[in-house]
């Protein structure tokens, strides 16, 4: 895949990648950074991107993984900052704050393979079969990872 092909991918799928990043990060600036990183990586991943179908799957997966890594890094930095200089409470809508805290708590200690599947299932509302096709793993493995995610979720909700 050459630079022209990546440009074509960007024109065709850049908005979808952007929407995906915004949906996960809830931050337009961070999402734009992810989009840039995704397509920069596409330039150096020429061998992996042999066809459009493979490329779209690759773009989607890299976007998800970069966003999840960004959330973890942001959470880690927040814990470090809180330890040294607690941040003042900002007035935020209760529902938004609740959702954000819940997502952060759930994803904080969840391995990438579980969080990726959970994002596809709960955020994108994809079926287990669709996730299996997208990720290239068996549907039964998808179901197993969702079960593992739910078990971890119950532990977090129970405070353990």
N, C-alpha and C. Protein backbone atom coordinates (compact mmCIF):
# COMPACT_ATOMS: atom_id res chain seq x y z
N UNK A 1 0.85 -1.18 0.00
CA UNK A 1 0.00 0.00 0.00
C UNK A 1 0.90 1.24 0.00
N UNK A 2 0.60 2.17 -0.87
CA UNK A 2 1.40 3.37 -1.01
C UNK A 2 0.66 4.55 -0.39
N UNK A 3 1.34 5.69 -0.34
CA UNK A 3 0.76 6.89 0.27
C UNK A 3 -0.56 7.26 -0.39
N UNK A 4 -0.66 7.09 -1.72
CA UNK A 4 -1.92 7.39 -2.42
C UNK A 4 -3.06 6.52 -1.90
N UNK A 5 -2.75 5.24 -1.63
CA UNK A 5 -3.77 4.33 -1.11
C UNK A 5 -4.22 4.75 0.29
N UNK A 6 -3.27 5.20 1.11
CA UNK A 6 -3.61 5.65 2.46
C UNK A 6 -4.45 6.93 2.37
N UNK A 7 -4.11 7.79 1.44
CA UNK A 7 -4.92 9.00 1.24
C UNK A 7 -6.35 8.64 0.84
N UNK A 8 -6.48 7.65 -0.04
CA UNK A 8 -7.81 7.18 -0.45
C UNK A 8 -8.56 6.62 0.75
N UNK A 9 -7.88 5.81 1.57
CA UNK A 9 -8.50 5.28 2.78
C UNK A 9 -8.94 6.42 3.70
N UNK A 10 -8.08 7.43 3.84
CA UNK A 10 -8.42 8.56 4.71
C UNK A 10 -9.66 9.27 4.20
N UNK A 11 -9.71 9.53 2.90
CA UNK A 11 -10.88 10.22 2.34
C UNK A 11 -12.14 9.40 2.51
N UNK A 12 -12.00 8.09 2.34
CA UNK A 12 -13.17 7.22 2.40
C UNK A 12 -13.61 6.89 3.83
N UNK A 13 -12.63 6.69 4.73
CA UNK A 13 -12.96 6.19 6.07
C UNK A 13 -12.52 7.10 7.21
N UNK A 14 -11.93 8.23 6.90
CA UNK A 14 -11.45 9.13 7.94
C UNK A 14 -12.54 9.58 8.90
N UNK A 15 -13.71 9.88 8.36
CA UNK A 15 -14.82 10.33 9.22
C UNK A 15 -15.30 9.21 10.14
N UNK A 16 -15.32 7.97 9.64
CA UNK A 16 -15.73 6.85 10.47
C UNK A 16 -14.73 6.64 11.61
N UNK A 17 -13.46 6.74 11.27
CA UNK A 17 -12.41 6.60 12.30
C UNK A 17 -12.57 7.72 13.33
N UNK A 18 -12.82 8.93 12.87
CA UNK A 18 -13.02 10.07 13.76
C UNK A 18 -14.22 9.84 14.68
N UNK A 19 -15.36 9.41 14.11
CA UNK A 19 -16.55 9.15 14.93
C UNK A 19 -16.29 8.07 15.97
N UNK A 20 -15.57 7.04 15.57
CA UNK A 20 -15.24 5.94 16.48
C UNK A 20 -14.40 6.48 17.65
N UNK A 21 -13.39 7.27 17.33
CA UNK A 21 -12.51 7.82 18.36
C UNK A 21 -13.27 8.75 19.30
N UNK A 22 -14.13 9.60 18.77
CA UNK A 22 -14.92 10.50 19.60
C UNK A 22 -15.88 9.72 20.49
N UNK A 23 -16.48 8.66 19.94
CA UNK A 23 -17.42 7.85 20.73
C UNK A 23 -16.72 7.21 21.92
N UNK A 24 -15.48 6.82 21.75
CA UNK A 24 -14.76 6.17 22.84
C UNK A 24 -14.17 7.19 23.80
N UNK A 25 -13.53 8.21 23.26
CA UNK A 25 -12.79 9.17 24.08
C UNK A 25 -13.65 10.30 24.63
N UNK A 26 -14.71 10.65 23.93
CA UNK A 26 -15.55 11.79 24.31
C UNK A 26 -14.74 13.08 24.38
N UNK A 27 -13.77 13.19 23.47
CA UNK A 27 -12.88 14.35 23.44
C UNK A 27 -12.45 14.55 21.99
N UNK A 28 -12.96 15.63 21.37
CA UNK A 28 -12.68 15.88 19.96
C UNK A 28 -11.21 16.05 19.64
N UNK A 29 -10.49 16.78 20.49
CA UNK A 29 -9.06 16.99 20.23
C UNK A 29 -8.28 15.69 20.32
N UNK A 30 -8.55 14.90 21.34
CA UNK A 30 -7.86 13.62 21.50
C UNK A 30 -8.23 12.69 20.34
N UNK A 31 -9.47 12.75 19.89
CA UNK A 31 -9.91 11.92 18.76
C UNK A 31 -9.16 12.30 17.49
N UNK A 32 -8.96 13.59 17.26
CA UNK A 32 -8.20 14.02 16.07
C UNK A 32 -6.77 13.51 16.13
N UNK A 33 -6.19 13.53 17.31
CA UNK A 33 -4.83 12.99 17.48
C UNK A 33 -4.80 11.50 17.14
N UNK A 34 -5.82 10.78 17.57
CA UNK A 34 -5.89 9.34 17.28
C UNK A 34 -6.02 9.11 15.78
N UNK A 35 -6.86 9.90 15.11
CA UNK A 35 -7.03 9.76 13.66
C UNK A 35 -5.69 9.95 12.96
N UNK A 36 -4.95 10.98 13.36
CA UNK A 36 -3.63 11.21 12.75
C UNK A 36 -2.71 10.02 12.98
N UNK A 37 -2.71 9.50 14.20
CA UNK A 37 -1.86 8.36 14.53
C UNK A 37 -2.27 7.11 13.74
N UNK A 38 -3.56 6.88 13.60
CA UNK A 38 -4.04 5.71 12.86
C UNK A 38 -3.53 5.75 11.42
N UNK A 39 -3.68 6.89 10.77
CA UNK A 39 -3.29 6.96 9.36
C UNK A 39 -1.77 7.06 9.20
N UNK A 40 -1.08 7.59 10.19
CA UNK A 40 0.39 7.55 10.16
C UNK A 40 0.87 6.10 10.25
N UNK A 41 0.22 5.33 11.11
CA UNK A 41 0.57 3.91 11.22
C UNK A 41 0.22 3.16 9.95
N UNK A 42 -0.85 3.57 9.30
CA UNK A 42 -1.24 2.91 8.05
C UNK A 42 -0.15 3.05 7.00
N UNK A 43 0.53 4.20 7.00
CA UNK A 43 1.63 4.38 6.04
C UNK A 43 2.74 3.37 6.26
N UNK A 44 3.01 3.04 7.51
CA UNK A 44 4.11 2.10 7.77
C UNK A 44 3.64 0.65 7.87
N UNK A 45 2.34 0.41 7.73
CA UNK A 45 1.81 -0.95 7.81
C UNK A 45 1.38 -1.46 6.44
N UNK A 46 2.09 -1.06 5.41
CA UNK A 46 1.70 -1.39 4.04
C UNK A 46 1.50 -2.89 3.82
N UNK A 47 2.38 -3.70 4.39
CA UNK A 47 2.30 -5.15 4.16
C UNK A 47 1.03 -5.74 4.76
N UNK A 48 0.57 -5.20 5.87
CA UNK A 48 -0.63 -5.72 6.53
C UNK A 48 -1.92 -5.33 5.80
N UNK A 49 -1.88 -4.25 5.05
CA UNK A 49 -3.08 -3.69 4.44
C UNK A 49 -3.16 -4.07 2.97
N UNK A 50 -3.46 -5.32 2.70
CA UNK A 50 -3.42 -5.81 1.33
C UNK A 50 -4.67 -5.48 0.52
N UNK A 51 -5.81 -5.33 1.16
CA UNK A 51 -7.04 -5.02 0.44
C UNK A 51 -7.91 -4.10 1.25
N UNK A 52 -8.93 -3.55 0.60
CA UNK A 52 -9.81 -2.59 1.27
C UNK A 52 -10.48 -3.22 2.49
N UNK A 53 -11.01 -4.43 2.38
CA UNK A 53 -11.70 -5.06 3.52
C UNK A 53 -10.74 -5.25 4.68
N UNK A 54 -9.53 -5.71 4.38
CA UNK A 54 -8.51 -5.88 5.42
C UNK A 54 -8.15 -4.51 6.00
N UNK A 55 -8.02 -3.52 5.15
CA UNK A 55 -7.64 -2.18 5.60
C UNK A 55 -8.69 -1.58 6.52
N UNK A 56 -9.96 -1.73 6.20
CA UNK A 56 -11.02 -1.16 7.03
C UNK A 56 -11.02 -1.84 8.40
N UNK A 57 -10.90 -3.15 8.42
CA UNK A 57 -10.84 -3.88 9.68
C UNK A 57 -9.64 -3.42 10.50
N UNK A 58 -8.51 -3.27 9.83
CA UNK A 58 -7.28 -2.82 10.48
C UNK A 58 -7.48 -1.42 11.06
N UNK A 59 -8.05 -0.50 10.28
CA UNK A 59 -8.28 0.88 10.75
C UNK A 59 -9.16 0.88 12.00
N UNK A 60 -10.21 0.10 11.97
CA UNK A 60 -11.16 0.03 13.07
C UNK A 60 -10.48 -0.50 14.34
N UNK A 61 -9.72 -1.55 14.17
CA UNK A 61 -9.04 -2.17 15.32
C UNK A 61 -7.97 -1.24 15.89
N UNK A 62 -7.17 -0.63 15.05
CA UNK A 62 -6.10 0.27 15.53
C UNK A 62 -6.73 1.48 16.23
N UNK A 63 -7.81 2.00 15.68
CA UNK A 63 -8.50 3.12 16.33
C UNK A 63 -8.95 2.74 17.73
N UNK A 64 -9.59 1.60 17.84
CA UNK A 64 -10.08 1.14 19.15
C UNK A 64 -8.93 0.98 20.13
N UNK A 65 -7.87 0.32 19.69
CA UNK A 65 -6.74 0.07 20.59
C UNK A 65 -6.04 1.36 21.01
N UNK A 66 -5.86 2.29 20.09
CA UNK A 66 -5.24 3.57 20.45
C UNK A 66 -6.12 4.35 21.44
N UNK A 67 -7.42 4.32 21.22
CA UNK A 67 -8.32 5.02 22.14
C UNK A 67 -8.28 4.39 23.53
N UNK A 68 -8.33 3.07 23.59
CA UNK A 68 -8.29 2.41 24.90
C UNK A 68 -6.97 2.68 25.60
N UNK A 69 -5.89 2.66 24.85
CA UNK A 69 -4.58 2.98 25.45
C UNK A 69 -4.57 4.41 25.96
N UNK A 70 -5.16 5.31 25.18
CA UNK A 70 -5.23 6.71 25.60
C UNK A 70 -6.04 6.88 26.88
N UNK A 71 -7.15 6.16 26.98
CA UNK A 71 -7.95 6.23 28.21
C UNK A 71 -7.17 5.71 29.41
N UNK A 72 -6.47 4.62 29.22
CA UNK A 72 -5.67 4.07 30.32
C UNK A 72 -4.57 5.04 30.74
N UNK A 73 -3.91 5.61 29.76
CA UNK A 73 -2.83 6.55 30.06
C UNK A 73 -3.38 7.78 30.77
N UNK A 74 -4.50 8.28 30.30
CA UNK A 74 -5.13 9.45 30.93
C UNK A 74 -5.51 9.12 32.38
N UNK A 75 -6.04 7.93 32.57
CA UNK A 75 -6.43 7.49 33.92
C UNK A 75 -5.20 7.36 34.82
N UNK A 76 -4.13 6.79 34.28
CA UNK A 76 -2.89 6.62 35.05
C UNK A 76 -2.33 7.98 35.44
N UNK A 77 -2.28 8.90 34.48
CA UNK A 77 -1.78 10.24 34.78
C UNK A 77 -2.65 10.94 35.81
N UNK A 78 -3.98 10.74 35.70
CA UNK A 78 -4.90 11.34 36.66
C UNK A 78 -4.65 10.84 38.07
N UNK A 79 -4.39 9.54 38.22
CA UNK A 79 -4.10 8.98 39.54
C UNK A 79 -2.80 9.56 40.10
N UNK A 80 -1.81 9.71 39.25
CA UNK A 80 -0.53 10.28 39.70
C UNK A 80 -0.73 11.73 40.13
N UNK A 81 -1.45 12.50 39.30
CA UNK A 81 -1.71 13.91 39.66
C UNK A 81 -2.53 14.02 40.93
N UNK A 82 -3.53 13.16 41.08
CA UNK A 82 -4.35 13.19 42.30
C UNK A 82 -3.53 12.90 43.54
N UNK A 83 -2.56 12.04 43.39
CA UNK A 83 -1.70 11.69 44.54
C UNK A 83 -0.89 12.91 44.99
N UNK A 84 -0.42 13.70 44.04
CA UNK A 84 0.46 14.82 44.38
C UNK A 84 -0.27 16.15 44.52
N UNK A 85 -1.32 16.34 43.75
CA UNK A 85 -2.07 17.60 43.81
C UNK A 85 -3.52 17.33 43.42
N UNK A 86 -4.38 17.03 44.40
CA UNK A 86 -5.78 16.73 44.07
C UNK A 86 -6.41 17.86 43.27
N UNK A 87 -7.18 17.48 42.26
CA UNK A 87 -7.84 18.46 41.41
C UNK A 87 -9.11 18.96 42.07
N UNK A 88 -9.43 20.24 41.89
CA UNK A 88 -10.69 20.74 42.44
C UNK A 88 -11.87 20.11 41.69
N UNK A 89 -12.96 19.90 42.40
CA UNK A 89 -14.15 19.32 41.78
C UNK A 89 -14.75 20.33 40.82
N UNK A 90 -15.08 19.89 39.62
CA UNK A 90 -15.70 20.75 38.62
C UNK A 90 -17.17 20.38 38.53
N UNK A 91 -18.04 21.38 38.38
CA UNK A 91 -19.45 21.04 38.23
C UNK A 91 -19.68 20.34 36.89
N UNK A 92 -20.18 19.10 36.96
CA UNK A 92 -20.45 18.30 35.77
C UNK A 92 -21.83 17.67 35.95
N UNK A 93 -22.52 17.49 34.85
CA UNK A 93 -23.82 16.82 34.93
C UNK A 93 -23.63 15.46 35.58
N UNK A 94 -24.49 15.13 36.52
CA UNK A 94 -24.35 13.89 37.30
C UNK A 94 -24.31 12.66 36.41
N UNK A 95 -25.16 12.59 35.40
CA UNK A 95 -25.21 11.42 34.53
C UNK A 95 -23.90 11.25 33.77
N UNK A 96 -23.36 12.34 33.23
CA UNK A 96 -22.10 12.29 32.50
C UNK A 96 -20.96 11.87 33.42
N UNK A 97 -20.90 12.45 34.59
CA UNK A 97 -19.85 12.12 35.54
C UNK A 97 -19.95 10.66 35.96
N UNK A 98 -21.16 10.20 36.22
CA UNK A 98 -21.39 8.81 36.60
C UNK A 98 -20.93 7.85 35.51
N UNK A 99 -21.32 8.12 34.27
CA UNK A 99 -20.95 7.26 33.15
C UNK A 99 -19.45 7.24 32.96
N UNK A 100 -18.82 8.40 33.03
CA UNK A 100 -17.38 8.49 32.85
C UNK A 100 -16.64 7.71 33.93
N UNK A 101 -17.07 7.88 35.18
CA UNK A 101 -16.42 7.17 36.28
C UNK A 101 -16.62 5.66 36.15
N UNK A 102 -17.79 5.27 35.73
CA UNK A 102 -18.07 3.83 35.57
C UNK A 102 -17.19 3.23 34.49
N UNK A 103 -17.12 3.89 33.34
CA UNK A 103 -16.29 3.39 32.24
C UNK A 103 -14.83 3.33 32.66
N UNK A 104 -14.34 4.37 33.31
CA UNK A 104 -12.94 4.38 33.76
C UNK A 104 -12.68 3.24 34.75
N UNK A 105 -13.60 3.05 35.68
CA UNK A 105 -13.43 1.98 36.66
C UNK A 105 -13.42 0.62 36.00
N UNK A 106 -14.29 0.43 35.03
CA UNK A 106 -14.37 -0.86 34.35
C UNK A 106 -13.14 -1.15 33.50
N UNK A 107 -12.63 -0.14 32.84
CA UNK A 107 -11.52 -0.36 31.91
C UNK A 107 -10.14 -0.26 32.57
N UNK A 108 -10.08 0.26 33.77
CA UNK A 108 -8.79 0.51 34.42
C UNK A 108 -7.91 -0.74 34.48
N UNK A 109 -8.48 -1.83 34.92
CA UNK A 109 -7.68 -3.03 35.15
C UNK A 109 -8.07 -4.19 34.23
N UNK A 110 -8.77 -3.89 33.15
CA UNK A 110 -9.21 -4.93 32.23
C UNK A 110 -8.17 -5.09 31.12
N UNK A 111 -7.76 -6.33 30.85
CA UNK A 111 -6.80 -6.56 29.76
C UNK A 111 -7.35 -6.09 28.41
N UNK A 112 -6.44 -5.75 27.50
CA UNK A 112 -6.83 -5.23 26.19
C UNK A 112 -7.79 -6.15 25.44
N UNK A 113 -7.54 -7.47 25.49
CA UNK A 113 -8.39 -8.38 24.73
C UNK A 113 -9.83 -8.36 25.22
N UNK A 114 -10.04 -8.13 26.51
CA UNK A 114 -11.40 -8.05 27.04
C UNK A 114 -12.03 -6.68 26.75
N UNK A 115 -11.25 -5.61 26.92
CA UNK A 115 -11.82 -4.28 26.72
C UNK A 115 -12.16 -4.03 25.25
N UNK A 116 -11.36 -4.58 24.35
CA UNK A 116 -11.65 -4.42 22.92
C UNK A 116 -12.99 -5.06 22.58
N UNK A 117 -13.19 -6.28 23.04
CA UNK A 117 -14.44 -7.00 22.78
C UNK A 117 -15.61 -6.27 23.43
N UNK A 118 -15.42 -5.81 24.66
CA UNK A 118 -16.49 -5.10 25.37
C UNK A 118 -16.88 -3.82 24.65
N UNK A 119 -15.89 -3.08 24.13
CA UNK A 119 -16.19 -1.85 23.39
C UNK A 119 -17.04 -2.16 22.15
N UNK A 120 -16.65 -3.18 21.41
CA UNK A 120 -17.42 -3.55 20.22
C UNK A 120 -18.85 -3.95 20.60
N UNK A 121 -18.99 -4.69 21.69
CA UNK A 121 -20.29 -5.22 22.06
C UNK A 121 -21.19 -4.17 22.70
N UNK A 122 -20.67 -3.47 23.71
CA UNK A 122 -21.50 -2.55 24.47
C UNK A 122 -21.58 -1.15 23.87
N UNK A 123 -20.50 -0.65 23.28
CA UNK A 123 -20.51 0.70 22.71
C UNK A 123 -21.03 0.68 21.27
N UNK A 124 -20.48 -0.24 20.46
CA UNK A 124 -20.87 -0.29 19.05
C UNK A 124 -22.10 -1.15 18.80
N UNK A 125 -22.52 -1.88 19.84
CA UNK A 125 -23.69 -2.74 19.76
C UNK A 125 -23.58 -3.75 18.63
N UNK A 126 -22.38 -4.30 18.47
CA UNK A 126 -22.14 -5.34 17.47
C UNK A 126 -22.54 -6.69 18.06
N UNK A 127 -22.95 -7.60 17.19
CA UNK A 127 -23.26 -8.96 17.65
C UNK A 127 -21.96 -9.72 17.87
N UNK A 128 -22.05 -10.84 18.58
CA UNK A 128 -20.86 -11.66 18.80
C UNK A 128 -20.29 -12.15 17.47
N UNK A 129 -21.14 -12.48 16.54
CA UNK A 129 -20.68 -12.94 15.22
C UNK A 129 -19.96 -11.83 14.47
N UNK A 130 -20.49 -10.61 14.54
CA UNK A 130 -19.84 -9.47 13.89
C UNK A 130 -18.47 -9.21 14.51
N UNK A 131 -18.38 -9.31 15.83
CA UNK A 131 -17.11 -9.10 16.51
C UNK A 131 -16.11 -10.18 16.11
N UNK A 132 -16.59 -11.41 16.03
CA UNK A 132 -15.72 -12.52 15.62
C UNK A 132 -15.16 -12.28 14.22
N UNK A 133 -16.01 -11.83 13.31
CA UNK A 133 -15.57 -11.55 11.95
C UNK A 133 -14.56 -10.41 11.93
N UNK A 134 -14.84 -9.35 12.67
CA UNK A 134 -13.96 -8.18 12.71
C UNK A 134 -12.59 -8.51 13.29
N UNK A 135 -12.58 -9.26 14.39
CA UNK A 135 -11.33 -9.51 15.10
C UNK A 135 -10.59 -10.76 14.62
N UNK A 136 -11.33 -11.64 13.91
CA UNK A 136 -10.70 -12.86 13.44
C UNK A 136 -10.56 -13.93 14.51
N UNK A 137 -11.33 -13.81 15.58
CA UNK A 137 -11.30 -14.84 16.63
C UNK A 137 -12.64 -15.57 16.61
N UNK A 138 -12.67 -16.81 17.09
CA UNK A 138 -13.92 -17.58 17.07
C UNK A 138 -15.03 -16.92 17.90
N UNK A 139 -16.27 -17.10 17.48
CA UNK A 139 -17.39 -16.51 18.18
C UNK A 139 -17.47 -17.00 19.62
N UNK A 140 -17.13 -18.25 19.87
CA UNK A 140 -17.16 -18.78 21.23
C UNK A 140 -16.13 -18.07 22.11
N UNK A 141 -15.01 -17.69 21.53
CA UNK A 141 -14.00 -16.94 22.28
C UNK A 141 -14.54 -15.55 22.61
N UNK A 142 -15.25 -14.94 21.66
CA UNK A 142 -15.88 -13.64 21.91
C UNK A 142 -16.85 -13.77 23.09
N UNK A 143 -17.69 -14.80 23.07
CA UNK A 143 -18.65 -15.01 24.15
C UNK A 143 -17.92 -15.21 25.48
N UNK A 144 -16.84 -15.97 25.46
CA UNK A 144 -16.07 -16.22 26.68
C UNK A 144 -15.47 -14.92 27.22
N UNK A 145 -14.92 -14.09 26.34
CA UNK A 145 -14.32 -12.82 26.79
C UNK A 145 -15.38 -11.86 27.33
N UNK A 146 -16.57 -11.87 26.73
CA UNK A 146 -17.66 -11.05 27.27
C UNK A 146 -18.05 -11.52 28.66
N UNK A 147 -18.07 -12.83 28.84
CA UNK A 147 -18.37 -13.38 30.16
C UNK A 147 -17.31 -12.96 31.18
N UNK A 148 -16.03 -13.03 30.77
CA UNK A 148 -14.95 -12.60 31.66
C UNK A 148 -15.10 -11.12 32.00
N UNK A 149 -15.46 -10.31 31.01
CA UNK A 149 -15.65 -8.88 31.24
C UNK A 149 -16.78 -8.65 32.25
N UNK A 150 -17.86 -9.37 32.09
CA UNK A 150 -19.00 -9.22 33.02
C UNK A 150 -18.61 -9.61 34.44
N UNK A 151 -17.82 -10.67 34.58
CA UNK A 151 -17.37 -11.09 35.91
C UNK A 151 -16.54 -9.98 36.54
N UNK A 152 -15.62 -9.39 35.76
CA UNK A 152 -14.81 -8.28 36.28
C UNK A 152 -15.68 -7.08 36.61
N UNK A 153 -16.69 -6.84 35.80
CA UNK A 153 -17.61 -5.71 36.03
C UNK A 153 -18.33 -5.89 37.36
N UNK A 154 -18.79 -7.10 37.61
CA UNK A 154 -19.47 -7.36 38.89
C UNK A 154 -18.54 -7.14 40.07
N UNK A 155 -17.26 -7.51 39.92
CA UNK A 155 -16.29 -7.30 41.00
C UNK A 155 -16.10 -5.81 41.26
N UNK A 156 -16.00 -5.02 40.18
CA UNK A 156 -15.82 -3.57 40.33
C UNK A 156 -17.06 -2.98 40.98
N UNK A 157 -18.24 -3.41 40.52
CA UNK A 157 -19.49 -2.88 41.08
C UNK A 157 -19.64 -3.24 42.56
N UNK A 158 -19.12 -4.40 42.93
CA UNK A 158 -19.21 -4.84 44.32
C UNK A 158 -18.12 -4.22 45.19
N UNK A 159 -17.24 -3.47 44.53
CA UNK A 159 -16.15 -2.82 45.26
C UNK A 159 -14.94 -3.70 45.48
N UNK A 160 -14.86 -4.80 44.76
CA UNK A 160 -13.73 -5.72 44.96
C UNK A 160 -12.99 -5.89 43.72
